[in-house]
Amino acid sequence: MIQRIKAWAKALKRKVFVLYFAYRDDRSPWYAKLFAICVVAYAFSPIDLIPDFVPVLGYLDDVILVPLGVALALKMIPHAVIQECSLKAEDRLKSGKPKNWLVGSLIILLWIAAFLWISFAAYRYFS
């Protein structure tokens, strides 16, 4: 069971790298590039939208959102591009995954904004 989960995670990681190269390819449609950029940026972000320590919901993005986004993005990209980018992805996997600190920063700002909004709402309610 654990081996199957590890194999699934490795395949998903490879597919994210395929998307990473596919959104840079001129043969990919603009809407596929836009969607792939969002999926790749989120997958490479060092910070999750829902932190992993939140029970059940924390792993929701890792188990459902990222694989669903990857599957949808791959359906939008031409098969020839996917094949070529798969070869590039194999080479890139050997050197590790890049971090996307821009998206990580945006997620931190989103959490700060939510905290401030809740704080102000609570202050106004209890004052």
C-alpha atoms as a PDB file:
ATOM      1  CA  MET A   1       0.000   0.000   0.000  1.00  0.00           C
ATOM      2  CA  ILE A   2       2.735   2.467   0.961  1.00  0.00           C
ATOM      3  CA  GLN A   3       4.676   1.621  -2.207  1.00  0.00           C
ATOM      4  CA  ARG A   4       1.597   2.424  -4.312  1.00  0.00           C
ATOM      5  CA  ILE A   5       1.187   5.786  -2.576  1.00  0.00           C
ATOM      6  CA  LYS A   6       4.870   6.597  -3.119  1.00  0.00           C
ATOM      7  CA  ALA A   7       4.604   5.626  -6.793  1.00  0.00           C
ATOM      8  CA  TRP A   8       1.472   7.780  -7.174  1.00  0.00           C
ATOM      9  CA  ALA A   9       3.202  10.763  -5.528  1.00  0.00           C
ATOM     10  CA  LYS A  10       6.263  10.344  -7.755  1.00  0.00           C
ATOM     11  CA  ALA A  11       4.076  10.194 -10.880  1.00  0.00           C
ATOM     12  CA  LEU A  12       2.198  13.311  -9.763  1.00  0.00           C
ATOM     13  CA  LYS A  13       5.465  15.148  -9.186  1.00  0.00           C
ATOM     14  CA  ARG A  14       6.617  14.189 -12.685  1.00  0.00           C
ATOM     15  CA  LYS A  15       3.346  15.454 -14.161  1.00  0.00           C
ATOM     16  CA  VAL A  16       3.782  18.807 -12.407  1.00  0.00           C
ATOM     17  CA  PHE A  17       7.198  19.094 -14.020  1.00  0.00           C
ATOM     18  CA  VAL A  18       5.648  18.214 -17.392  1.00  0.00           C
ATOM     19  CA  LEU A  19       3.233  21.125 -16.880  1.00  0.00           C
ATOM     20  CA  TYR A  20       6.142  23.334 -15.857  1.00  0.00           C
ATOM     21  CA  PHE A  21       7.740  22.821 -19.259  1.00  0.00           C
ATOM     22  CA  ALA A  22       4.462  22.679 -21.199  1.00  0.00           C
ATOM     23  CA  TYR A  23       3.314  26.159 -20.190  1.00  0.00           C
ATOM     24  CA  ARG A  24       6.555  27.519 -21.612  1.00  0.00           C
ATOM     25  CA  ASP A  25       6.007  25.782 -24.955  1.00  0.00           C
ATOM     26  CA  ASP A  26       4.648  27.937 -27.789  1.00  0.00           C
ATOM     27  CA  ARG A  27       2.468  25.092 -29.050  1.00  0.00           C
ATOM     28  CA  SER A  28       0.331  25.101 -25.901  1.00  0.00           C
ATOM     29  CA  PRO A  29      -2.898  27.148 -26.131  1.00  0.00           C
ATOM     30  CA  TRP A  30      -2.998  30.339 -24.065  1.00  0.00           C
ATOM     31  CA  TYR A  31      -5.793  29.086 -21.792  1.00  0.00           C
ATOM     32  CA  ALA A  32      -3.847  25.884 -21.081  1.00  0.00           C
ATOM     33  CA  LYS A  33      -0.747  27.943 -20.308  1.00  0.00           C
ATOM     34  CA  LEU A  34      -2.684  30.149 -17.898  1.00  0.00           C
ATOM     35  CA  PHE A  35      -4.220  27.193 -16.080  1.00  0.00           C
ATOM     36  CA  ALA A  36      -0.928  25.278 -16.030  1.00  0.00           C
ATOM     37  CA  ILE A  37       0.899  28.293 -14.590  1.00  0.00           C
ATOM     38  CA  CYS A  38      -1.600  28.444 -11.729  1.00  0.00           C
ATOM     39  CA  VAL A  39      -1.323  24.716 -11.017  1.00  0.00           C
ATOM     40  CA  VAL A  40       2.477  24.682 -11.183  1.00  0.00           C
ATOM     41  CA  ALA A  41       2.821  27.830  -9.071  1.00  0.00           C
ATOM     42  CA  TYR A  42       0.578  26.374  -6.393  1.00  0.00           C
ATOM     43  CA  ALA A  43       2.235  22.953  -6.495  1.00  0.00           C
ATOM     44  CA  PHE A  44       5.720  24.489  -6.176  1.00  0.00           C
ATOM     45  CA  SER A  45       4.638  26.955  -3.491  1.00  0.00           C
ATOM     46  CA  PRO A  46       6.345  26.221  -0.181  1.00  0.00           C
ATOM     47  CA  ILE A  47       3.172  27.279   1.651  1.00  0.00           C
ATOM     48  CA  ASP A  48      -0.238  25.636   1.252  1.00  0.00           C
ATOM     49  CA  LEU A  49      -3.489  27.542   1.020  1.00  0.00           C
ATOM     50  CA  ILE A  50      -4.779  25.349   3.836  1.00  0.00           C
ATOM     51  CA  PRO A  51      -1.929  24.495   6.242  1.00  0.00           C
ATOM     52  CA  ASP A  52      -1.275  20.772   6.679  1.00  0.00           C
ATOM     53  CA  PHE A  53      -1.751  20.942  10.445  1.00  0.00           C
ATOM     54  CA  VAL A  54      -5.477  21.700   9.974  1.00  0.00           C
ATOM     55  CA  PRO A  55      -7.193  18.312  10.494  1.00  0.00           C
ATOM     56  CA  VAL A  56      -8.455  16.679   7.279  1.00  0.00           C
ATOM     57  CA  LEU A  57      -8.662  19.949   5.309  1.00  0.00           C
ATOM     58  CA  GLY A  58      -4.903  20.474   5.518  1.00  0.00           C
ATOM     59  CA  TYR A  59      -4.232  17.585   3.179  1.00  0.00           C
ATOM     60  CA  LEU A  60      -7.208  18.285   0.926  1.00  0.00           C
ATOM     61  CA  ASP A  61      -5.131  20.395  -1.456  1.00  0.00           C
ATOM     62  CA  ASP A  62      -2.333  17.830  -1.625  1.00  0.00           C
ATOM     63  CA  VAL A  63      -4.639  14.889  -2.265  1.00  0.00           C
ATOM     64  CA  ILE A  64      -7.454  16.421  -4.325  1.00  0.00           C
ATOM     65  CA  LEU A  65      -6.794  19.951  -5.616  1.00  0.00           C
ATOM     66  CA  VAL A  66      -3.294  19.484  -7.043  1.00  0.00           C
ATOM     67  CA  PRO A  67      -3.999  16.136  -8.790  1.00  0.00           C
ATOM     68  CA  LEU A  68      -7.290  17.474 -10.178  1.00  0.00           C
ATOM     69  CA  GLY A  69      -5.587  20.625 -11.451  1.00  0.00           C
ATOM     70  CA  VAL A  70      -2.788  18.596 -13.027  1.00  0.00           C
ATOM     71  CA  ALA A  71      -5.252  16.252 -14.750  1.00  0.00           C
ATOM     72  CA  LEU A  72      -7.316  19.143 -16.147  1.00  0.00           C
ATOM     73  CA  ALA A  73      -4.255  21.045 -17.343  1.00  0.00           C
ATOM     74  CA  LEU A  74      -2.808  17.991 -19.090  1.00  0.00           C
ATOM     75  CA  LYS A  75      -6.084  17.503 -20.991  1.00  0.00           C
ATOM     76  CA  MET A  76      -5.780  21.047 -22.387  1.00  0.00           C
ATOM     77  CA  ILE A  77      -2.255  20.589 -23.758  1.00  0.00           C
ATOM     78  CA  PRO A  78      -1.532  18.868 -27.095  1.00  0.00           C
ATOM     79  CA  HIS A  79      -0.213  15.312 -26.808  1.00  0.00           C
ATOM     80  CA  ALA A  80       2.983  16.076 -28.745  1.00  0.00           C
ATOM     81  CA  VAL A  81       3.876  18.829 -26.279  1.00  0.00           C
ATOM     82  CA  ILE A  82       3.258  16.507 -23.328  1.00  0.00           C
ATOM     83  CA  GLN A  83       5.522  13.825 -24.813  1.00  0.00           C
ATOM     84  CA  GLU A  84       8.368  16.262 -25.411  1.00  0.00           C
ATOM     85  CA  CYS A  85       7.980  17.895 -22.008  1.00  0.00           C
ATOM     86  CA  SER A  86       7.934  14.484 -20.312  1.00  0.00           C
ATOM     87  CA  LEU A  87      11.533  13.959 -21.428  1.00  0.00           C
ATOM     88  CA  LYS A  88      12.534  17.371 -20.084  1.00  0.00           C
ATOM     89  CA  ALA A  89      10.717  16.625 -16.825  1.00  0.00           C
ATOM     90  CA  GLU A  90      12.697  13.439 -16.280  1.00  0.00           C
ATOM     91  CA  ASP A  91      15.937  15.403 -16.541  1.00  0.00           C
ATOM     92  CA  ARG A  92      14.665  18.159 -14.237  1.00  0.00           C
ATOM     93  CA  LEU A  93      13.464  15.701 -11.590  1.00  0.00           C
ATOM     94  CA  LYS A  94      17.016  14.629 -11.012  1.00  0.00           C
ATOM     95  CA  SER A  95      17.946  18.118  -9.712  1.00  0.00           C
ATOM     96  CA  GLY A  96      14.958  18.667  -7.365  1.00  0.00           C
ATOM     97  CA  LYS A  97      11.843  20.808  -7.413  1.00  0.00           C
ATOM     98  CA  PRO A  98      12.015  24.600  -7.594  1.00  0.00           C
ATOM     99  CA  LYS A  99      10.312  26.700  -4.940  1.00  0.00           C
ATOM    100  CA  ASN A 100       7.809  29.376  -5.879  1.00  0.00           C
ATOM    101  CA  TRP A 101       8.207  32.000  -3.170  1.00  0.00           C
ATOM    102  CA  LEU A 102       5.978  34.483  -5.026  1.00  0.00           C
ATOM    103  CA  VAL A 103       2.899  32.302  -4.608  1.00  0.00           C
ATOM    104  CA  GLY A 104       4.000  31.452  -1.083  1.00  0.00           C
ATOM    105  CA  SER A 105       4.147  35.170  -0.304  1.00  0.00           C
ATOM    106  CA  LEU A 106       0.688  35.725  -1.783  1.00  0.00           C
ATOM    107  CA  ILE A 107      -0.728  32.942   0.377  1.00  0.00           C
ATOM    108  CA  ILE A 108       0.890  34.481   3.471  1.00  0.00           C
ATOM    109  CA  LEU A 109      -0.657  37.849   2.554  1.00  0.00           C
ATOM    110  CA  LEU A 110      -4.039  36.157   2.134  1.00  0.00           C
ATOM    111  CA  TRP A 111      -3.771  34.641   5.628  1.00  0.00           C
ATOM    112  CA  ILE A 112      -2.702  38.009   7.111  1.00  0.00           C
ATOM    113  CA  ALA A 113      -5.630  39.758   5.404  1.00  0.00           C
ATOM    114  CA  ALA A 114      -8.053  37.120   6.712  1.00  0.00           C
ATOM    115  CA  PHE A 115      -6.629  37.447  10.230  1.00  0.00           C
ATOM    116  CA  LEU A 116      -6.914  41.255  10.136  1.00  0.00           C
ATOM    117  CA  TRP A 117     -10.453  41.120   8.784  1.00  0.00           C
ATOM    118  CA  ILE A 118     -11.534  38.670  11.509  1.00  0.00           C
ATOM    119  CA  SER A 119      -9.769  40.778  14.155  1.00  0.00           C
ATOM    120  CA  PHE A 120     -11.503  43.989  13.052  1.00  0.00           C
ATOM    121  CA  ALA A 121     -14.867  42.221  12.815  1.00  0.00           C
ATOM    122  CA  ALA A 122     -14.440  40.784  16.309  1.00  0.00           C
ATOM    123  CA  TYR A 123     -13.352  44.162  17.673  1.00  0.00           C
ATOM    124  CA  ARG A 124     -16.399  45.906  16.192  1.00  0.00           C
ATOM    125  CA  TYR A 125     -18.708  43.137  17.401  1.00  0.00           C
ATOM    126  CA  PHE A 126     -17.403  43.102  20.974  1.00  0.00           C
ATOM    127  CA  SER A 127     -16.986  46.903  21.317  1.00  0.00           C
END
